[in-house]
């Protein structure tokens, strides 16, 4: 099975896609935005953790690692 991300430019296409889904030729699912998907993943991972970092803490840590990585590339 292949998955595609499609941007609908003409609203009439929704009708066609719904008809294809009714014929069981395609499956339609709404995609979460990346930030929503990340928050859902973090929520799932945190259920078993005692020490829960916030999204801001994670962002700061990622920025630190990126800065170190880019500093090494410049040398």
N, C-alpha and C. Protein backbone atom coordinates (compact mmCIF):
# COMPACT_ATOMS: atom_id res chain seq x y z
N UNK A 1 0.85 -1.18 0.00
CA UNK A 1 0.00 0.00 0.00
C UNK A 1 0.89 1.24 0.00
N UNK A 2 0.52 2.21 -0.78
CA UNK A 2 1.22 3.48 -0.84
C UNK A 2 0.37 4.56 -0.20
N UNK A 3 1.03 5.53 0.40
CA UNK A 3 0.33 6.66 1.00
C UNK A 3 0.82 7.93 0.33
N UNK A 4 -0.12 8.82 0.04
CA UNK A 4 0.18 10.09 -0.59
C UNK A 4 -0.42 11.22 0.22
N UNK A 5 0.22 12.36 0.18
CA UNK A 5 -0.36 13.57 0.76
C UNK A 5 -0.84 14.41 -0.40
N UNK A 6 -2.10 14.75 -0.40
CA UNK A 6 -2.71 15.46 -1.52
C UNK A 6 -3.29 16.78 -1.02
N UNK A 7 -2.99 17.85 -1.74
CA UNK A 7 -3.60 19.15 -1.44
C UNK A 7 -4.72 19.36 -2.45
N UNK A 8 -5.91 19.54 -1.95
CA UNK A 8 -7.09 19.69 -2.81
C UNK A 8 -7.23 21.16 -3.20
N UNK A 9 -7.18 21.41 -4.50
CA UNK A 9 -7.30 22.77 -5.01
C UNK A 9 -8.73 23.11 -5.40
N UNK A 10 -9.48 22.12 -5.82
CA UNK A 10 -10.86 22.32 -6.24
C UNK A 10 -11.77 21.52 -5.32
N UNK A 11 -12.72 22.16 -4.64
CA UNK A 11 -13.60 21.46 -3.70
C UNK A 11 -14.39 20.31 -4.32
N UNK A 12 -14.58 20.32 -5.62
CA UNK A 12 -15.33 19.25 -6.28
C UNK A 12 -14.60 17.91 -6.18
N UNK A 13 -13.30 17.97 -5.98
CA UNK A 13 -12.50 16.74 -5.89
C UNK A 13 -12.87 15.95 -4.64
N UNK A 14 -13.30 16.64 -3.59
CA UNK A 14 -13.69 15.94 -2.35
C UNK A 14 -14.80 14.93 -2.63
N UNK A 15 -15.74 15.32 -3.46
CA UNK A 15 -16.85 14.42 -3.82
C UNK A 15 -16.33 13.17 -4.51
N UNK A 16 -15.42 13.36 -5.43
CA UNK A 16 -14.85 12.22 -6.16
C UNK A 16 -14.09 11.31 -5.21
N UNK A 17 -13.31 11.90 -4.32
CA UNK A 17 -12.55 11.09 -3.35
C UNK A 17 -13.48 10.32 -2.43
N UNK A 18 -14.57 10.96 -1.99
CA UNK A 18 -15.53 10.27 -1.13
C UNK A 18 -16.19 9.10 -1.86
N UNK A 19 -16.46 9.28 -3.15
CA UNK A 19 -17.04 8.20 -3.94
C UNK A 19 -16.05 7.03 -4.06
N UNK A 20 -14.79 7.33 -4.27
CA UNK A 20 -13.77 6.28 -4.34
C UNK A 20 -13.65 5.55 -3.01
N UNK A 21 -13.77 6.28 -1.92
CA UNK A 21 -13.71 5.66 -0.60
C UNK A 21 -14.93 4.77 -0.37
N UNK A 22 -16.09 5.20 -0.83
CA UNK A 22 -17.31 4.39 -0.70
C UNK A 22 -17.20 3.08 -1.48
N UNK A 23 -16.44 3.10 -2.56
CA UNK A 23 -16.23 1.89 -3.36
C UNK A 23 -15.08 1.03 -2.82
N UNK A 24 -14.53 1.42 -1.67
CA UNK A 24 -13.39 0.75 -1.04
C UNK A 24 -12.18 0.68 -1.97
N UNK A 25 -12.00 1.71 -2.76
CA UNK A 25 -10.83 1.79 -3.63
C UNK A 25 -9.69 2.58 -2.97
N UNK A 26 -10.07 3.49 -2.07
CA UNK A 26 -9.09 4.26 -1.32
C UNK A 26 -9.57 4.39 0.12
N UNK A 27 -8.67 4.74 0.99
CA UNK A 27 -9.01 5.05 2.38
C UNK A 27 -8.59 6.49 2.65
N UNK A 28 -9.45 7.23 3.29
CA UNK A 28 -9.18 8.63 3.58
C UNK A 28 -8.99 8.78 5.08
N UNK A 29 -7.88 9.41 5.46
CA UNK A 29 -7.65 9.72 6.87
C UNK A 29 -7.04 11.11 6.95
N UNK A 30 -7.41 11.83 7.97
CA UNK A 30 -6.90 13.17 8.14
C UNK A 30 -5.53 13.09 8.79
N UNK A 31 -4.59 13.83 8.26
CA UNK A 31 -3.23 13.83 8.78
C UNK A 31 -3.11 14.90 9.86
N UNK A 32 -2.44 14.53 10.94
CA UNK A 32 -2.15 15.50 11.99
C UNK A 32 -1.01 16.40 11.54
N UNK A 33 -1.03 17.63 12.01
CA UNK A 33 0.12 18.47 11.74
C UNK A 33 1.30 17.93 12.54
N UNK A 34 2.49 18.28 12.17
CA UNK A 34 3.68 17.72 12.81
C UNK A 34 3.73 18.05 14.30
N UNK A 35 3.29 19.25 14.68
CA UNK A 35 3.34 19.61 16.09
C UNK A 35 2.32 18.81 16.90
N UNK A 36 1.16 18.57 16.32
CA UNK A 36 0.14 17.76 17.01
C UNK A 36 0.62 16.32 17.13
N UNK A 37 1.24 15.81 16.07
CA UNK A 37 1.76 14.44 16.10
C UNK A 37 2.86 14.31 17.16
N UNK A 38 3.73 15.32 17.24
CA UNK A 38 4.80 15.29 18.25
C UNK A 38 4.21 15.33 19.66
N UNK A 39 3.22 16.18 19.87
CA UNK A 39 2.60 16.26 21.19
C UNK A 39 1.95 14.94 21.58
N UNK A 40 1.29 14.29 20.62
CA UNK A 40 0.66 12.99 20.89
C UNK A 40 1.71 11.93 21.22
N UNK A 41 2.82 11.94 20.49
CA UNK A 41 3.89 11.00 20.77
C UNK A 41 4.49 11.24 22.15
N UNK A 42 4.74 12.49 22.48
CA UNK A 42 5.29 12.81 23.80
C UNK A 42 4.34 12.40 24.91
N UNK A 43 3.07 12.63 24.72
CA UNK A 43 2.07 12.24 25.72
C UNK A 43 2.11 10.73 25.94
N UNK A 44 2.21 9.98 24.87
CA UNK A 44 2.25 8.52 24.96
C UNK A 44 3.52 8.06 25.68
N UNK A 45 4.65 8.67 25.35
CA UNK A 45 5.92 8.29 25.99
C UNK A 45 5.98 8.68 27.46
N UNK A 46 5.35 9.80 27.79
CA UNK A 46 5.41 10.31 29.16
C UNK A 46 4.56 9.53 30.15
N UNK A 47 3.62 8.74 29.67
CA UNK A 47 2.75 8.01 30.59
C UNK A 47 3.53 7.04 31.46
N UNK A 48 4.70 6.61 31.00
CA UNK A 48 5.50 5.65 31.76
C UNK A 48 6.73 6.28 32.38
N UNK A 49 6.84 7.60 32.34
CA UNK A 49 8.03 8.27 32.84
C UNK A 49 7.71 9.07 34.10
N UNK A 50 8.67 9.10 35.02
CA UNK A 50 8.52 9.89 36.24
C UNK A 50 8.95 11.33 36.01
N UNK A 51 10.02 11.52 35.23
CA UNK A 51 10.56 12.85 34.95
C UNK A 51 10.11 13.26 33.55
N UNK A 52 9.18 14.22 33.49
CA UNK A 52 8.57 14.60 32.23
C UNK A 52 9.10 15.96 31.78
N UNK A 53 9.89 16.01 30.67
CA UNK A 53 10.34 17.31 30.16
C UNK A 53 9.22 17.99 29.38
N UNK A 54 9.22 19.30 29.42
CA UNK A 54 8.20 20.04 28.67
C UNK A 54 8.64 20.18 27.22
N UNK A 55 7.74 20.60 26.37
CA UNK A 55 8.06 20.81 24.97
C UNK A 55 9.13 21.90 24.82
N UNK A 56 9.08 22.91 25.69
CA UNK A 56 10.10 23.96 25.66
C UNK A 56 11.48 23.41 26.02
N UNK A 57 11.54 22.52 27.02
CA UNK A 57 12.81 21.90 27.40
C UNK A 57 13.39 21.09 26.26
N UNK A 58 12.54 20.37 25.58
CA UNK A 58 12.99 19.55 24.44
C UNK A 58 13.49 20.45 23.32
N UNK A 59 12.77 21.53 23.06
CA UNK A 59 13.17 22.47 22.01
C UNK A 59 14.52 23.10 22.32
N UNK A 60 14.73 23.49 23.56
CA UNK A 60 16.02 24.08 23.96
C UNK A 60 17.15 23.08 23.77
N UNK A 61 16.93 21.83 24.16
CA UNK A 61 17.95 20.80 24.01
C UNK A 61 18.28 20.56 22.54
N UNK A 62 17.26 20.54 21.70
CA UNK A 62 17.48 20.34 20.26
C UNK A 62 18.29 21.51 19.69
N UNK A 63 17.97 22.72 20.11
CA UNK A 63 18.71 23.89 19.63
C UNK A 63 20.17 23.84 20.06
N UNK A 64 20.45 23.37 21.26
CA UNK A 64 21.83 23.24 21.74
C UNK A 64 22.59 22.23 20.90
N UNK A 65 21.98 21.09 20.65
CA UNK A 65 22.63 20.04 19.86
C UNK A 65 22.88 20.53 18.44
N UNK A 66 21.92 21.22 17.86
CA UNK A 66 22.10 21.75 16.50
C UNK A 66 23.23 22.77 16.45
N UNK A 67 23.29 23.65 17.44
CA UNK A 67 24.35 24.66 17.48
C UNK A 67 25.72 23.99 17.56
N UNK A 68 25.84 22.96 18.38
CA UNK A 68 27.10 22.23 18.49
C UNK A 68 27.45 21.55 17.17
N UNK A 69 26.47 20.95 16.53
CA UNK A 69 26.70 20.26 15.26
C UNK A 69 27.15 21.24 14.18
N UNK A 70 26.50 22.40 14.08
CA UNK A 70 26.88 23.38 13.07
C UNK A 70 28.24 23.99 13.37
N UNK A 71 28.58 24.12 14.65
CA UNK A 71 29.90 24.66 15.01
C UNK A 71 30.99 23.68 14.57
N UNK A 72 30.75 22.36 14.68
CA UNK A 72 31.73 21.36 14.25
C UNK A 72 31.89 21.38 12.74
N UNK A 73 30.82 21.61 12.00
CA UNK A 73 30.89 21.62 10.54
C UNK A 73 31.71 22.82 10.03
N UNK A 74 31.68 23.92 10.75
CA UNK A 74 32.40 25.13 10.33
C UNK A 74 33.90 24.99 10.54
N UNK A 75 34.29 24.13 11.48
CA UNK A 75 35.73 23.97 11.79
C UNK A 75 36.46 23.16 10.78
